[in-house]
Amino acid sequence: MYFAALLALTEDGWVASDTELDDVETLADLTDLAREASPDDDTVLVFIEQEDAWFGIVRVEGEDDPRIYVSDGAAAARSSYGEILTRELLGDDLADDDADLDALDLDGTEDGEPDDTEDEAESAAEAVPAAPVGDTRILDDLGLSESDLLALSTDALAEIADALGASEVLETVR
């Protein structure tokens, strides 16, 4: 189960809204969603959390490229929305290699070899570290240092919102 929220820093302070990720398939979709939340090019944070397994933050400011932080790359890579973020951070060279092989319609058994798809999936998962990935300084200028961000574990989004002075508005959408 996912929880997702948008926090926009406006002239009047933080404004939060919950968001549905049903139509999000790419980082561009997620970025567009964030930009729609703030027509004035304010700072927008997208919080995504999956049942204490991992959390991610996407920071969007105007037309700049989004900045991304994921608390546990390996856990996130095993989930649909987390995969969007980890692929952006770590690249998708493995996916491109697999797509090239799929186009040839080879299943690894032409020469009597066993099907290696399980081994390939495990190798791809091992390529993603079971550690934080991305911009660890994503919230430095907003009041949460890199070391504080890296120390978070359970209920991280509430602690982040508290450090940013946005805990009340986040709670309204939880």
C-alpha atoms as a PDB file:
ATOM      1  CA  MET A   1       0.000   0.000   0.000  1.00  0.00           C
ATOM      2  CA  TYR A   2       1.288   3.410  -0.982  1.00  0.00           C
ATOM      3  CA  PHE A   3       0.839   6.837   0.525  1.00  0.00           C
ATOM      4  CA  ALA A   4       1.549   9.803  -1.711  1.00  0.00           C
ATOM      5  CA  ALA A   5       1.250  13.505  -1.023  1.00  0.00           C
ATOM      6  CA  LEU A   6       2.292  16.765  -2.603  1.00  0.00           C
ATOM      7  CA  LEU A   7       3.635  19.610  -0.468  1.00  0.00           C
ATOM      8  CA  ALA A   8       3.959  22.991  -2.147  1.00  0.00           C
ATOM      9  CA  LEU A   9       5.875  25.828  -0.493  1.00  0.00           C
ATOM     10  CA  THR A  10       3.908  28.979  -1.305  1.00  0.00           C
ATOM     11  CA  GLU A  11       4.159  32.569  -0.084  1.00  0.00           C
ATOM     12  CA  ASP A  12       1.646  31.601   2.613  1.00  0.00           C
ATOM     13  CA  GLY A  13       3.584  28.525   3.775  1.00  0.00           C
ATOM     14  CA  TRP A  14       3.180  24.833   3.035  1.00  0.00           C
ATOM     15  CA  VAL A  15       0.070  23.557   1.270  1.00  0.00           C
ATOM     16  CA  ALA A  16      -0.477  19.800   1.139  1.00  0.00           C
ATOM     17  CA  SER A  17      -2.669  17.639  -1.017  1.00  0.00           C
ATOM     18  CA  ASP A  18      -2.955  13.908  -1.328  1.00  0.00           C
ATOM     19  CA  THR A  19      -2.498  12.538  -4.768  1.00  0.00           C
ATOM     20  CA  GLU A  20      -3.381   9.467  -6.742  1.00  0.00           C
ATOM     21  CA  LEU A  21      -0.542   7.794  -8.590  1.00  0.00           C
ATOM     22  CA  ASP A  22      -2.778   5.639 -10.791  1.00  0.00           C
ATOM     23  CA  ASP A  23      -1.876   7.522 -13.973  1.00  0.00           C
ATOM     24  CA  VAL A  24       1.834   7.878 -13.140  1.00  0.00           C
ATOM     25  CA  GLU A  25       3.997   5.642 -15.301  1.00  0.00           C
ATOM     26  CA  THR A  26       7.151   7.747 -15.668  1.00  0.00           C
ATOM     27  CA  LEU A  27       9.131  10.372 -13.817  1.00  0.00           C
ATOM     28  CA  ALA A  28       7.820  12.909 -16.343  1.00  0.00           C
ATOM     29  CA  ASP A  29       4.246  12.058 -15.292  1.00  0.00           C
ATOM     30  CA  LEU A  30       5.171  12.536 -11.642  1.00  0.00           C
ATOM     31  CA  THR A  31       6.956  15.814 -12.401  1.00  0.00           C
ATOM     32  CA  ASP A  32       3.953  17.106 -14.362  1.00  0.00           C
ATOM     33  CA  LEU A  33       1.696  16.216 -11.438  1.00  0.00           C
ATOM     34  CA  ALA A  34       3.939  18.219  -9.102  1.00  0.00           C
ATOM     35  CA  ARG A  35       4.068  21.205 -11.445  1.00  0.00           C
ATOM     36  CA  GLU A  36       0.273  21.246 -11.701  1.00  0.00           C
ATOM     37  CA  ALA A  37       0.113  21.530  -7.893  1.00  0.00           C
ATOM     38  CA  SER A  38       1.892  24.880  -8.011  1.00  0.00           C
ATOM     39  CA  PRO A  39       1.240  27.118 -11.002  1.00  0.00           C
ATOM     40  CA  ASP A  40       3.637  29.763  -9.594  1.00  0.00           C
ATOM     41  CA  ASP A  41       6.769  27.608  -9.945  1.00  0.00           C
ATOM     42  CA  ASP A  42       6.985  27.164  -6.166  1.00  0.00           C
ATOM     43  CA  THR A  43       8.974  24.349  -4.620  1.00  0.00           C
ATOM     44  CA  VAL A  44       6.909  21.171  -4.642  1.00  0.00           C
ATOM     45  CA  LEU A  45       7.824  17.993  -2.800  1.00  0.00           C
ATOM     46  CA  VAL A  46       6.274  14.696  -3.790  1.00  0.00           C
ATOM     47  CA  PHE A  47       6.317  12.198  -0.937  1.00  0.00           C
ATOM     48  CA  ILE A  48       5.840   8.528  -1.735  1.00  0.00           C
ATOM     49  CA  GLU A  49       5.933   5.860   0.949  1.00  0.00           C
ATOM     50  CA  GLN A  50       5.335   2.146   0.817  1.00  0.00           C
ATOM     51  CA  GLU A  51       4.351   0.660   4.198  1.00  0.00           C
ATOM     52  CA  ASP A  52       7.612   1.477   5.995  1.00  0.00           C
ATOM     53  CA  ALA A  53       9.594  -0.459   3.368  1.00  0.00           C
ATOM     54  CA  TRP A  54      10.922   2.674   1.669  1.00  0.00           C
ATOM     55  CA  PHE A  55      10.111   6.295   1.029  1.00  0.00           C
ATOM     56  CA  GLY A  56      10.996   8.651  -1.755  1.00  0.00           C
ATOM     57  CA  ILE A  57      11.053  12.392  -2.241  1.00  0.00           C
ATOM     58  CA  VAL A  58      10.909  14.147  -5.581  1.00  0.00           C
ATOM     59  CA  ARG A  59      11.612  17.876  -5.485  1.00  0.00           C
ATOM     60  CA  VAL A  60      10.360  19.973  -8.373  1.00  0.00           C
ATOM     61  CA  GLU A  61      11.123  23.663  -8.775  1.00  0.00           C
ATOM     62  CA  GLY A  62       9.859  25.438 -11.860  1.00  0.00           C
ATOM     63  CA  GLU A  63      11.242  23.964 -15.046  1.00  0.00           C
ATOM     64  CA  ASP A  64      14.414  22.608 -13.407  1.00  0.00           C
ATOM     65  CA  ASP A  65      15.081  18.870 -13.542  1.00  0.00           C
ATOM     66  CA  PRO A  66      13.557  17.078 -10.561  1.00  0.00           C
ATOM     67  CA  ARG A  67      15.791  16.064  -7.669  1.00  0.00           C
ATOM     68  CA  ILE A  68      15.190  12.605  -6.207  1.00  0.00           C
ATOM     69  CA  TYR A  69      15.970  10.776  -2.987  1.00  0.00           C
ATOM     70  CA  VAL A  70      15.005   7.176  -2.159  1.00  0.00           C
ATOM     71  CA  SER A  71      15.582   5.718   1.309  1.00  0.00           C
ATOM     72  CA  ASP A  72      16.241   2.123   0.156  1.00  0.00           C
ATOM     73  CA  GLY A  73      17.036   1.573  -3.501  1.00  0.00           C
ATOM     74  CA  ALA A  74      16.609  -2.205  -3.490  1.00  0.00           C
ATOM     75  CA  ALA A  75      13.231  -2.126  -1.723  1.00  0.00           C
ATOM     76  CA  ALA A  76      12.000   0.661  -3.975  1.00  0.00           C
ATOM     77  CA  ALA A  77      13.174  -1.120  -7.137  1.00  0.00           C
ATOM     78  CA  ARG A  78      10.825  -3.996  -6.304  1.00  0.00           C
ATOM     79  CA  SER A  79       7.761  -1.732  -6.375  1.00  0.00           C
ATOM     80  CA  SER A  80       6.134  -0.055  -9.339  1.00  0.00           C
ATOM     81  CA  TYR A  81       6.505   3.568  -8.230  1.00  0.00           C
ATOM     82  CA  GLY A  82       9.875   2.994  -6.633  1.00  0.00           C
ATOM     83  CA  GLU A  83      11.151   1.476  -9.844  1.00  0.00           C
ATOM     84  CA  ILE A  84      10.358   4.736 -11.643  1.00  0.00           C
ATOM     85  CA  LEU A  85      12.593   6.605  -9.206  1.00  0.00           C
ATOM     86  CA  THR A  86      15.454   4.096  -9.029  1.00  0.00           C
ATOM     87  CA  ARG A  87      15.602   3.755 -12.808  1.00  0.00           C
ATOM     88  CA  GLU A  88      15.950   7.508 -13.088  1.00  0.00           C
ATOM     89  CA  LEU A  89      18.694   7.561 -10.465  1.00  0.00           C
ATOM     90  CA  LEU A  90      20.629   4.486 -11.542  1.00  0.00           C
ATOM     91  CA  GLY A  91      19.821   4.327 -15.230  1.00  0.00           C
ATOM     92  CA  ASP A  92      18.083   1.555 -17.082  1.00  0.00           C
ATOM     93  CA  ASP A  93      20.937  -0.089 -18.913  1.00  0.00           C
ATOM     94  CA  LEU A  94      19.826  -3.506 -17.646  1.00  0.00           C
ATOM     95  CA  ALA A  95      16.331  -2.924 -18.973  1.00  0.00           C
ATOM     96  CA  ASP A  96      17.689  -1.850 -22.358  1.00  0.00           C
ATOM     97  CA  ASP A  97      19.847  -4.987 -22.576  1.00  0.00           C
ATOM     98  CA  ASP A  98      16.850  -7.171 -21.742  1.00  0.00           C
ATOM     99  CA  ALA A  99      14.712  -5.378 -24.346  1.00  0.00           C
ATOM    100  CA  ASP A 100      17.310  -6.091 -27.043  1.00  0.00           C
ATOM    101  CA  LEU A 101      17.309  -9.790 -26.158  1.00  0.00           C
ATOM    102  CA  ASP A 102      13.506  -9.890 -26.025  1.00  0.00           C
ATOM    103  CA  ALA A 103      13.345  -8.458 -29.535  1.00  0.00           C
ATOM    104  CA  LEU A 104      15.328 -11.473 -30.751  1.00  0.00           C
ATOM    105  CA  ASP A 105      12.776 -13.792 -29.083  1.00  0.00           C
ATOM    106  CA  LEU A 106      15.483 -15.854 -27.433  1.00  0.00           C
ATOM    107  CA  ASP A 107      14.479 -17.692 -24.299  1.00  0.00           C
ATOM    108  CA  GLY A 108      17.861 -19.301 -23.536  1.00  0.00           C
ATOM    109  CA  THR A 109      16.729 -22.814 -24.412  1.00  0.00           C
ATOM    110  CA  GLU A 110      17.678 -22.947 -28.093  1.00  0.00           C
ATOM    111  CA  ASP A 111      20.896 -24.833 -27.376  1.00  0.00           C
ATOM    112  CA  GLY A 112      19.468 -26.923 -24.574  1.00  0.00           C
ATOM    113  CA  GLU A 113      20.364 -24.258 -21.996  1.00  0.00           C
ATOM    114  CA  PRO A 114      17.972 -23.619 -19.097  1.00  0.00           C
ATOM    115  CA  ASP A 115      15.834 -20.496 -18.988  1.00  0.00           C
ATOM    116  CA  ASP A 116      17.834 -17.892 -17.043  1.00  0.00           C
ATOM    117  CA  THR A 117      15.127 -15.262 -16.538  1.00  0.00           C
ATOM    118  CA  GLU A 118      15.059 -15.799 -12.764  1.00  0.00           C
ATOM    119  CA  ASP A 119      18.843 -15.386 -12.570  1.00  0.00           C
ATOM    120  CA  GLU A 120      18.650 -12.211 -14.696  1.00  0.00           C
ATOM    121  CA  ALA A 121      15.938 -10.757 -12.461  1.00  0.00           C
ATOM    122  CA  GLU A 122      18.007 -11.494  -9.350  1.00  0.00           C
ATOM    123  CA  SER A 123      21.080  -9.909 -10.951  1.00  0.00           C
ATOM    124  CA  ALA A 124      19.109  -6.785 -11.811  1.00  0.00           C
ATOM    125  CA  ALA A 125      17.794  -6.549  -8.237  1.00  0.00           C
ATOM    126  CA  GLU A 126      21.307  -6.994  -6.858  1.00  0.00           C
ATOM    127  CA  ALA A 127      22.511  -4.095  -9.011  1.00  0.00           C
ATOM    128  CA  VAL A 128      20.372  -1.719  -6.932  1.00  0.00           C
ATOM    129  CA  PRO A 129      21.898  -1.032  -3.517  1.00  0.00           C
ATOM    130  CA  ALA A 130      19.891  -1.744  -0.365  1.00  0.00           C
ATOM    131  CA  ALA A 131      20.813   1.728   0.813  1.00  0.00           C
ATOM    132  CA  PRO A 132      19.771   5.323   0.208  1.00  0.00           C
ATOM    133  CA  VAL A 133      20.172   6.522  -3.369  1.00  0.00           C
ATOM    134  CA  GLY A 134      19.852   9.928  -4.930  1.00  0.00           C
ATOM    135  CA  ASP A 135      20.283  13.467  -3.685  1.00  0.00           C
ATOM    136  CA  THR A 136      20.888  13.212   0.063  1.00  0.00           C
ATOM    137  CA  ARG A 137      20.991  17.016   0.316  1.00  0.00           C
ATOM    138  CA  ILE A 138      17.549  17.417  -1.259  1.00  0.00           C
ATOM    139  CA  LEU A 139      16.104  19.132   1.843  1.00  0.00           C
ATOM    140  CA  ASP A 140      19.180  20.916   3.260  1.00  0.00           C
ATOM    141  CA  ASP A 141      17.966  24.417   2.416  1.00  0.00           C
ATOM    142  CA  LEU A 142      14.499  23.635   3.798  1.00  0.00           C
ATOM    143  CA  GLY A 143      15.682  22.669   7.268  1.00  0.00           C
ATOM    144  CA  LEU A 144      16.527  18.955   7.135  1.00  0.00           C
ATOM    145  CA  SER A 145      20.228  18.166   6.878  1.00  0.00           C
ATOM    146  CA  GLU A 146      21.746  15.283   4.965  1.00  0.00           C
ATOM    147  CA  SER A 147      22.710  13.464   8.175  1.00  0.00           C
ATOM    148  CA  ASP A 148      19.192  13.879   9.598  1.00  0.00           C
ATOM    149  CA  LEU A 149      17.654  12.577   6.371  1.00  0.00           C
ATOM    150  CA  LEU A 150      19.927   9.534   6.345  1.00  0.00           C
ATOM    151  CA  ALA A 151      19.078   8.774   9.989  1.00  0.00           C
ATOM    152  CA  LEU A 152      15.325   8.485   9.341  1.00  0.00           C
ATOM    153  CA  SER A 153      13.677   5.085   9.363  1.00  0.00           C
ATOM    154  CA  THR A 154      10.067   4.566  10.458  1.00  0.00           C
ATOM    155  CA  ASP A 155       7.425   7.258  10.024  1.00  0.00           C
ATOM    156  CA  ALA A 156      10.002   9.208   8.034  1.00  0.00           C
ATOM    157  CA  LEU A 157       7.535  11.395   6.154  1.00  0.00           C
ATOM    158  CA  ALA A 158       6.045  12.689   9.407  1.00  0.00           C
ATOM    159  CA  GLU A 159       9.521  13.491  10.720  1.00  0.00           C
ATOM    160  CA  ILE A 160      10.436  15.259   7.478  1.00  0.00           C
ATOM    161  CA  ALA A 161       7.229  17.284   7.530  1.00  0.00           C
ATOM    162  CA  ASP A 162       7.894  18.206  11.158  1.00  0.00           C
ATOM    163  CA  ALA A 163      11.415  19.420  10.331  1.00  0.00           C
ATOM    164  CA  LEU A 164      10.028  21.484   7.443  1.00  0.00           C
ATOM    165  CA  GLY A 165       7.271  22.980   9.567  1.00  0.00           C
ATOM    166  CA  ALA A 166       4.620  21.211   7.507  1.00  0.00           C
ATOM    167  CA  SER A 167       3.450  18.463   9.852  1.00  0.00           C
ATOM    168  CA  GLU A 168      -0.050  19.880  10.341  1.00  0.00           C
ATOM    169  CA  VAL A 169      -0.736  20.212   6.630  1.00  0.00           C
ATOM    170  CA  LEU A 170       0.626  16.728   5.935  1.00  0.00           C
ATOM    171  CA  GLU A 171      -1.612  15.249   8.617  1.00  0.00           C
ATOM    172  CA  THR A 172      -4.662  16.766   6.917  1.00  0.00           C
ATOM    173  CA  VAL A 173      -4.098  14.552   3.879  1.00  0.00           C
ATOM    174  CA  ARG A 174      -3.082  11.357   5.701  1.00  0.00           C
END
